[in-house]
Amino acid sequence: MRMDFAYEGGQAVGKGGTVTLFVDGQAVGSGRVEKTTPYKFSLSENQDIGTDTGTPVTSDYRAPFTFEGRLEEVVVDLKK
């Protein structure tokens, strides 16, 4: 599985683009993202799934941490 993001904001920050999802090399869906985060994340505090290289989200583990189980689903709920 792969996701491509075609940013349309040039050098400006916080602008939108098009997301395309691929499974086994085939595009299976795409959609528009109207705006993105208008700032950069540091190397240790980023948006990641299945690993935590920065400050832990909970005291149940210590960073750096890599989840070694199986993620069945990841849901991103964008609220307006």
PDB file of N, CA and C in Angstrom:
ATOM      1  N   MET A   1       0.855  -1.172   0.000  1.00  0.00           N
ATOM      2  CA  MET A   1       0.000   0.000   0.000  1.00  0.00           C
ATOM      3  C   MET A   1       0.896   1.228   0.000  1.00  0.00           C
ATOM      4  N   ARG A   2       0.472   2.238  -0.724  1.00  0.00           N
ATOM      5  CA  ARG A   2       1.231   3.479  -0.824  1.00  0.00           C
ATOM      6  C   ARG A   2       0.264   4.643  -0.944  1.00  0.00           C
ATOM      7  N   MET A   3       0.692   5.797  -0.443  1.00  0.00           N
ATOM      8  CA  MET A   3      -0.077   7.013  -0.597  1.00  0.00           C
ATOM      9  C   MET A   3       0.822   8.079  -1.200  1.00  0.00           C
ATOM     10  N   ASP A   4       0.356   8.741  -2.232  1.00  0.00           N
ATOM     11  CA  ASP A   4       1.065   9.879  -2.812  1.00  0.00           C
ATOM     12  C   ASP A   4       0.262  11.138  -2.523  1.00  0.00           C
ATOM     13  N   PHE A   5       0.974  12.223  -2.246  1.00  0.00           N
ATOM     14  CA  PHE A   5       0.326  13.514  -2.046  1.00  0.00           C
ATOM     15  C   PHE A   5       0.936  14.517  -3.013  1.00  0.00           C
ATOM     16  N   ALA A   6       0.135  15.039  -3.918  1.00  0.00           N
ATOM     17  CA  ALA A   6       0.575  16.041  -4.888  1.00  0.00           C
ATOM     18  C   ALA A   6       0.202  17.417  -4.343  1.00  0.00           C
ATOM     19  N   TYR A   7       1.169  18.056  -3.709  1.00  0.00           N
ATOM     20  CA  TYR A   7       0.958  19.368  -3.098  1.00  0.00           C
ATOM     21  C   TYR A   7       0.820  20.425  -4.177  1.00  0.00           C
ATOM     22  N   GLU A   8      -0.162  21.295  -4.038  1.00  0.00           N
ATOM     23  CA  GLU A   8      -0.440  22.302  -5.055  1.00  0.00           C
ATOM     24  C   GLU A   8      -0.152  23.722  -4.579  1.00  0.00           C
ATOM     25  N   GLY A   9       0.543  23.836  -3.443  1.00  0.00           N
ATOM     26  CA  GLY A   9       0.781  25.161  -2.876  1.00  0.00           C
ATOM     27  C   GLY A   9       2.106  25.784  -3.216  1.00  0.00           C
ATOM     28  N   GLY A  10       2.925  25.095  -4.032  1.00  0.00           N
ATOM     29  CA  GLY A  10       4.239  25.649  -4.365  1.00  0.00           C
ATOM     30  C   GLY A  10       5.087  25.813  -3.115  1.00  0.00           C
ATOM     31  N   GLN A  11       5.629  26.994  -2.907  1.00  0.00           N
ATOM     32  CA  GLN A  11       6.475  27.277  -1.737  1.00  0.00           C
ATOM     33  C   GLN A  11       5.650  27.710  -0.512  1.00  0.00           C
ATOM     34  N   ALA A  12       4.366  27.976  -0.691  1.00  0.00           N
ATOM     35  CA  ALA A  12       3.501  28.401   0.413  1.00  0.00           C
ATOM     36  C   ALA A  12       3.196  27.216   1.323  1.00  0.00           C
ATOM     37  N   VAL A  13       2.941  27.494   2.590  1.00  0.00           N
ATOM     38  CA  VAL A  13       2.598  26.432   3.530  1.00  0.00           C
ATOM     39  C   VAL A  13       1.104  26.422   3.799  1.00  0.00           C
ATOM     40  N   GLY A  14       0.571  25.257   4.163  1.00  0.00           N
ATOM     41  CA  GLY A  14      -0.824  25.145   4.547  1.00  0.00           C
ATOM     42  C   GLY A  14      -1.808  25.003   3.397  1.00  0.00           C
ATOM     43  N   LYS A  15      -1.320  24.894   2.181  1.00  0.00           N
ATOM     44  CA  LYS A  15      -2.212  24.786   1.029  1.00  0.00           C
ATOM     45  C   LYS A  15      -2.640  23.334   0.807  1.00  0.00           C
ATOM     46  N   GLY A  16      -3.456  23.089  -0.174  1.00  0.00           N
ATOM     47  CA  GLY A  16      -4.014  21.769  -0.420  1.00  0.00           C
ATOM     48  C   GLY A  16      -3.303  20.980  -1.495  1.00  0.00           C
ATOM     49  N   GLY A  17      -3.912  19.849  -1.830  1.00  0.00           N
ATOM     50  CA  GLY A  17      -3.368  18.987  -2.859  1.00  0.00           C
ATOM     51  C   GLY A  17      -4.256  17.774  -3.047  1.00  0.00           C
ATOM     52  N   THR A  18      -3.772  16.827  -3.809  1.00  0.00           N
ATOM     53  CA  THR A  18      -4.533  15.616  -4.106  1.00  0.00           C
ATOM     54  C   THR A  18      -3.816  14.395  -3.535  1.00  0.00           C
ATOM     55  N   VAL A  19      -4.565  13.573  -2.812  1.00  0.00           N
ATOM     56  CA  VAL A  19      -4.057  12.322  -2.255  1.00  0.00           C
ATOM     57  C   VAL A  19      -4.504  11.183  -3.163  1.00  0.00           C
ATOM     58  N   THR A  20      -3.577  10.288  -3.487  1.00  0.00           N
ATOM     59  CA  THR A  20      -3.910   9.095  -4.258  1.00  0.00           C
ATOM     60  C   THR A  20      -3.415   7.874  -3.495  1.00  0.00           C
ATOM     61  N   LEU A  21      -4.307   6.890  -3.316  1.00  0.00           N
ATOM     62  CA  LEU A  21      -3.960   5.646  -2.627  1.00  0.00           C
ATOM     63  C   LEU A  21      -3.706   4.547  -3.649  1.00  0.00           C
ATOM     64  N   PHE A  22      -2.656   3.759  -3.418  1.00  0.00           N
ATOM     65  CA  PHE A  22      -2.273   2.668  -4.300  1.00  0.00           C
ATOM     66  C   PHE A  22      -2.232   1.361  -3.522  1.00  0.00           C
ATOM     67  N   VAL A  23      -2.716   0.293  -4.112  1.00  0.00           N
ATOM     68  CA  VAL A  23      -2.608  -1.057  -3.564  1.00  0.00           C
ATOM     69  C   VAL A  23      -1.995  -1.922  -4.655  1.00  0.00           C
ATOM     70  N   ASP A  24      -0.905  -2.604  -4.315  1.00  0.00           N
ATOM     71  CA  ASP A  24      -0.198  -3.439  -5.292  1.00  0.00           C
ATOM     72  C   ASP A  24       0.136  -2.663  -6.564  1.00  0.00           C
ATOM     73  N   GLY A  25       0.509  -1.400  -6.415  1.00  0.00           N
ATOM     74  CA  GLY A  25       0.909  -0.577  -7.547  1.00  0.00           C
ATOM     75  C   GLY A  25      -0.217   0.032  -8.347  1.00  0.00           C
ATOM     76  N   GLN A  26      -1.462  -0.296  -8.023  1.00  0.00           N
ATOM     77  CA  GLN A  26      -2.622   0.214  -8.751  1.00  0.00           C
ATOM     78  C   GLN A  26      -3.324   1.315  -7.949  1.00  0.00           C
ATOM     79  N   ALA A  27      -3.634   2.438  -8.586  1.00  0.00           N
ATOM     80  CA  ALA A  27      -4.391   3.493  -7.919  1.00  0.00           C
ATOM     81  C   ALA A  27      -5.797   2.982  -7.618  1.00  0.00           C
ATOM     82  N   VAL A  28      -6.217   3.086  -6.348  1.00  0.00           N
ATOM     83  CA  VAL A  28      -7.538   2.590  -5.957  1.00  0.00           C
ATOM     84  C   VAL A  28      -8.465   3.711  -5.479  1.00  0.00           C
ATOM     85  N   GLY A  29      -7.946   4.909  -5.348  1.00  0.00           N
ATOM     86  CA  GLY A  29      -8.790   6.023  -4.928  1.00  0.00           C
ATOM     87  C   GLY A  29      -7.982   7.295  -4.806  1.00  0.00           C
ATOM     88  N   SER A  30      -8.681   8.423  -4.886  1.00  0.00           N
ATOM     89  CA  SER A  30      -8.007   9.708  -4.717  1.00  0.00           C
ATOM     90  C   SER A  30      -9.011  10.723  -4.198  1.00  0.00           C
ATOM     91  N   GLY A  31      -8.496  11.793  -3.659  1.00  0.00           N
ATOM     92  CA  GLY A  31      -9.359  12.837  -3.140  1.00  0.00           C
ATOM     93  C   GLY A  31      -8.579  14.105  -2.869  1.00  0.00           C
ATOM     94  N   ARG A  32      -9.289  15.142  -2.685  1.00  0.00           N
ATOM     95  CA  ARG A  32      -8.711  16.472  -2.468  1.00  0.00           C
ATOM     96  C   ARG A  32      -8.575  16.754  -0.988  1.00  0.00           C
ATOM     97  N   VAL A  33      -7.434  17.286  -0.586  1.00  0.00           N
ATOM     98  CA  VAL A  33      -7.198  17.804   0.761  1.00  0.00           C
ATOM     99  C   VAL A  33      -7.125  19.310   0.602  1.00  0.00           C
ATOM    100  N   GLU A  34      -8.071  20.027   1.195  1.00  0.00           N
ATOM    101  CA  GLU A  34      -8.174  21.474   0.970  1.00  0.00           C
ATOM    102  C   GLU A  34      -7.041  22.265   1.609  1.00  0.00           C
ATOM    103  N   LYS A  35      -6.561  21.821   2.783  1.00  0.00           N
ATOM    104  CA  LYS A  35      -5.454  22.533   3.423  1.00  0.00           C
ATOM    105  C   LYS A  35      -4.642  21.552   4.262  1.00  0.00           C
ATOM    106  N   THR A  36      -3.393  21.893   4.486  1.00  0.00           N
ATOM    107  CA  THR A  36      -2.487  21.054   5.259  1.00  0.00           C
ATOM    108  C   THR A  36      -2.010  21.831   6.479  1.00  0.00           C
ATOM    109  N   THR A  37      -1.256  21.162   7.328  1.00  0.00           N
ATOM    110  CA  THR A  37      -0.711  21.805   8.525  1.00  0.00           C
ATOM    111  C   THR A  37       0.210  22.948   8.100  1.00  0.00           C
ATOM    112  N   PRO A  38      -0.031  24.149   8.592  1.00  0.00           N
ATOM    113  CA  PRO A  38       0.741  25.299   8.115  1.00  0.00           C
ATOM    114  C   PRO A  38       2.101  25.469   8.796  1.00  0.00           C
ATOM    115  N   TYR A  39       2.678  24.396   9.314  1.00  0.00           N
ATOM    116  CA  TYR A  39       4.014  24.441   9.919  1.00  0.00           C
ATOM    117  C   TYR A  39       4.657  23.070   9.783  1.00  0.00           C
ATOM    118  N   LYS A  40       5.952  23.025   9.976  1.00  0.00           N
ATOM    119  CA  LYS A  40       6.690  21.775   9.856  1.00  0.00           C
ATOM    120  C   LYS A  40       6.827  21.110  11.215  1.00  0.00           C
ATOM    121  N   PHE A  41       6.878  19.783  11.209  1.00  0.00           N
ATOM    122  CA  PHE A  41       7.115  19.028  12.424  1.00  0.00           C
ATOM    123  C   PHE A  41       8.609  18.806  12.585  1.00  0.00           C
ATOM    124  N   SER A  42       9.070  18.683  13.813  1.00  0.00           N
ATOM    125  CA  SER A  42      10.484  18.402  14.041  1.00  0.00           C
ATOM    126  C   SER A  42      10.776  16.948  13.695  1.00  0.00           C
ATOM    127  N   LEU A  43      12.042  16.568  13.674  1.00  0.00           N
ATOM    128  CA  LEU A  43      12.409  15.184  13.377  1.00  0.00           C
ATOM    129  C   LEU A  43      11.920  14.225  14.448  1.00  0.00           C
ATOM    130  N   SER A  44      11.770  14.706  15.694  1.00  0.00           N
ATOM    131  CA  SER A  44      11.365  13.799  16.772  1.00  0.00           C
ATOM    132  C   SER A  44       9.862  13.823  17.051  1.00  0.00           C
ATOM    133  N   GLU A  45       9.160  14.829  16.608  1.00  0.00           N
ATOM    134  CA  GLU A  45       7.715  14.935  16.826  1.00  0.00           C
ATOM    135  C   GLU A  45       7.027  15.044  15.476  1.00  0.00           C
ATOM    136  N   ASN A  46       6.730  13.896  14.887  1.00  0.00           N
ATOM    137  CA  ASN A  46       6.136  13.900  13.565  1.00  0.00           C
ATOM    138  C   ASN A  46       4.821  13.142  13.555  1.00  0.00           C
ATOM    139  N   GLN A  47       4.222  13.055  12.411  1.00  0.00           N
ATOM    140  CA  GLN A  47       2.962  12.331  12.264  1.00  0.00           C
ATOM    141  C   GLN A  47       3.304  10.939  11.748  1.00  0.00           C
ATOM    142  N   ASP A  48       3.298   9.979  12.665  1.00  0.00           N
ATOM    143  CA  ASP A  48       3.661   8.618  12.280  1.00  0.00           C
ATOM    144  C   ASP A  48       2.634   7.625  12.806  1.00  0.00           C
ATOM    145  N   ILE A  49       2.625   6.453  12.205  1.00  0.00           N
ATOM    146  CA  ILE A  49       1.703   5.403  12.598  1.00  0.00           C
ATOM    147  C   ILE A  49       2.508   4.143  12.875  1.00  0.00           C
ATOM    148  N   GLY A  50       2.365   3.589  14.070  1.00  0.00           N
ATOM    149  CA  GLY A  50       3.048   2.342  14.400  1.00  0.00           C
ATOM    150  C   GLY A  50       4.408   2.521  15.031  1.00  0.00           C
ATOM    151  N   THR A  51       4.855   3.749  15.173  1.00  0.00           N
ATOM    152  CA  THR A  51       6.141   4.014  15.817  1.00  0.00           C
ATOM    153  C   THR A  51       6.090   5.382  16.487  1.00  0.00           C
ATOM    154  N   ASP A  52       6.890   5.560  17.515  1.00  0.00           N
ATOM    155  CA  ASP A  52       6.954   6.843  18.195  1.00  0.00           C
ATOM    156  C   ASP A  52       8.419   7.139  18.487  1.00  0.00           C
ATOM    157  N   THR A  53       8.962   8.141  17.820  1.00  0.00           N
ATOM    158  CA  THR A  53      10.365   8.483  17.998  1.00  0.00           C
ATOM    159  C   THR A  53      10.556   9.678  18.915  1.00  0.00           C
ATOM    160  N   GLY A  54       9.472  10.317  19.300  1.00  0.00           N
ATOM    161  CA  GLY A  54       9.579  11.513  20.134  1.00  0.00           C
ATOM    162  C   GLY A  54       8.974  11.307  21.508  1.00  0.00           C
ATOM    163  N   THR A  55       8.227  12.278  21.955  1.00  0.00           N
ATOM    164  CA  THR A  55       7.581  12.224  23.261  1.00  0.00           C
ATOM    165  C   THR A  55       6.437  11.219  23.224  1.00  0.00           C
ATOM    166  N   PRO A  56       6.420  10.255  24.165  1.00  0.00           N
ATOM    167  CA  PRO A  56       5.338   9.256  24.168  1.00  0.00           C
ATOM    168  C   PRO A  56       3.966   9.909  24.347  1.00  0.00           C
ATOM    169  N   VAL A  57       2.972   9.309  23.736  1.00  0.00           N
ATOM    170  CA  VAL A  57       1.596   9.795  23.848  1.00  0.00           C
ATOM    171  C   VAL A  57       1.011   9.411  25.196  1.00  0.00           C
ATOM    172  N   THR A  58       1.539   8.356  25.790  1.00  0.00           N
ATOM    173  CA  THR A  58       1.075   7.844  27.076  1.00  0.00           C
ATOM    174  C   THR A  58       2.272   7.333  27.871  1.00  0.00           C
ATOM    175  N   SER A  59       2.118   7.196  29.164  1.00  0.00           N
ATOM    176  CA  SER A  59       3.214   6.676  29.999  1.00  0.00           C
ATOM    177  C   SER A  59       3.276   5.146  29.972  1.00  0.00           C
ATOM    178  N   ASP A  60       2.453   4.497  29.143  1.00  0.00           N
ATOM    179  CA  ASP A  60       2.447   3.037  29.038  1.00  0.00           C
ATOM    180  C   ASP A  60       3.662   2.489  28.299  1.00  0.00           C
ATOM    181  N   TYR A  61       4.465   3.334  27.655  1.00  0.00           N
ATOM    182  CA  TYR A  61       5.668   2.896  26.953  1.00  0.00           C
ATOM    183  C   TYR A  61       6.700   4.015  26.973  1.00  0.00           C
ATOM    184  N   ARG A  62       7.925   3.656  26.601  1.00  0.00           N
ATOM    185  CA  ARG A  62       9.008   4.636  26.517  1.00  0.00           C
ATOM    186  C   ARG A  62       9.462   4.765  25.063  1.00  0.00           C
ATOM    187  N   ALA A  63       9.726   5.982  24.650  1.00  0.00           N
ATOM    188  CA  ALA A  63      10.224   6.222  23.284  1.00  0.00           C
ATOM    189  C   ALA A  63      11.740   6.047  23.259  1.00  0.00           C
ATOM    190  N   PRO A  64      12.305   5.643  22.133  1.00  0.00           N
ATOM    191  CA  PRO A  64      11.606   5.314  20.903  1.00  0.00           C
ATOM    192  C   PRO A  64      10.867   3.993  21.022  1.00  0.00           C
ATOM    193  N   PHE A  65       9.738   3.899  20.356  1.00  0.00           N
ATOM    194  CA  PHE A  65       8.881   2.717  20.464  1.00  0.00           C
ATOM    195  C   PHE A  65       8.358   2.355  19.077  1.00  0.00           C
ATOM    196  N   THR A  66       8.412   1.054  18.782  1.00  0.00           N
ATOM    197  CA  THR A  66       7.830   0.546  17.538  1.00  0.00           C
ATOM    198  C   THR A  66       6.794  -0.505  17.887  1.00  0.00           C
ATOM    199  N   PHE A  67       5.587  -0.314  17.441  1.00  0.00           N
ATOM    200  CA  PHE A  67       4.515  -1.279  17.651  1.00  0.00           C
ATOM    201  C   PHE A  67       4.804  -2.511  16.805  1.00  0.00           C
ATOM    202  N   GLU A  68       4.838  -3.678  17.424  1.00  0.00           N
ATOM    203  CA  GLU A  68       5.186  -4.901  16.701  1.00  0.00           C
ATOM    204  C   GLU A  68       3.986  -5.789  16.413  1.00  0.00           C
ATOM    205  N   GLY A  69       2.794  -5.308  16.722  1.00  0.00           N
ATOM    206  CA  GLY A  69       1.582  -6.051  16.415  1.00  0.00           C
ATOM    207  C   GLY A  69       1.130  -5.770  14.994  1.00  0.00           C
ATOM    208  N   ARG A  70      -0.109  -6.055  14.735  1.00  0.00           N
ATOM    209  CA  ARG A  70      -0.672  -5.823  13.404  1.00  0.00           C
ATOM    210  C   ARG A  70      -1.743  -4.743  13.507  1.00  0.00           C
ATOM    211  N   LEU A  71      -1.608  -3.710  12.712  1.00  0.00           N
ATOM    212  CA  LEU A  71      -2.625  -2.659  12.647  1.00  0.00           C
ATOM    213  C   LEU A  71      -3.680  -3.101  11.643  1.00  0.00           C
ATOM    214  N   GLU A  72      -4.875  -3.310  12.102  1.00  0.00           N
ATOM    215  CA  GLU A  72      -5.966  -3.747  11.231  1.00  0.00           C
ATOM    216  C   GLU A  72      -6.603  -2.571  10.497  1.00  0.00           C
ATOM    217  N   GLU A  73      -6.548  -1.393  11.126  1.00  0.00           N
ATOM    218  CA  GLU A  73      -7.215  -0.251  10.510  1.00  0.00           C
ATOM    219  C   GLU A  73      -6.638   1.031  11.086  1.00  0.00           C
ATOM    220  N   VAL A  74      -6.498   2.032  10.253  1.00  0.00           N
ATOM    221  CA  VAL A  74      -6.115   3.374  10.674  1.00  0.00           C
ATOM    222  C   VAL A  74      -7.189   4.315  10.139  1.00  0.00           C
ATOM    223  N   VAL A  75      -7.801   5.075  11.018  1.00  0.00           N
ATOM    224  CA  VAL A  75      -8.871   5.993  10.626  1.00  0.00           C
ATOM    225  C   VAL A  75      -8.415   7.421  10.918  1.00  0.00           C
ATOM    226  N   VAL A  76      -8.481   8.267   9.928  1.00  0.00           N
ATOM    227  CA  VAL A  76      -8.195   9.685  10.092  1.00  0.00           C
ATOM    228  C   VAL A  76      -9.510  10.414   9.919  1.00  0.00           C
ATOM    229  N   ASP A  77      -9.982  11.031  10.982  1.00  0.00           N
ATOM    230  CA  ASP A  77     -11.271  11.721  10.962  1.00  0.00           C
ATOM    231  C   ASP A  77     -11.007  13.221  10.931  1.00  0.00           C
ATOM    232  N   LEU A  78     -11.244  13.847   9.804  1.00  0.00           N
ATOM    233  CA  LEU A  78     -11.021  15.277   9.654  1.00  0.00           C
ATOM    234  C   LEU A  78     -12.323  16.008   9.955  1.00  0.00           C
ATOM    235  N   LYS A  79     -12.324  16.735  11.051  1.00  0.00           N
ATOM    236  CA  LYS A  79     -13.522  17.472  11.457  1.00  0.00           C
ATOM    237  C   LYS A  79     -13.375  18.908  11.002  1.00  0.00           C
ATOM    238  N   LYS A  80     -14.483  19.492  10.589  1.00  0.00           N
ATOM    239  CA  LYS A  80     -14.463  20.898  10.159  1.00  0.00           C
ATOM    240  C   LYS A  80     -14.732  21.793  11.326  1.00  0.00           C
TER     241      LYS A  80
END
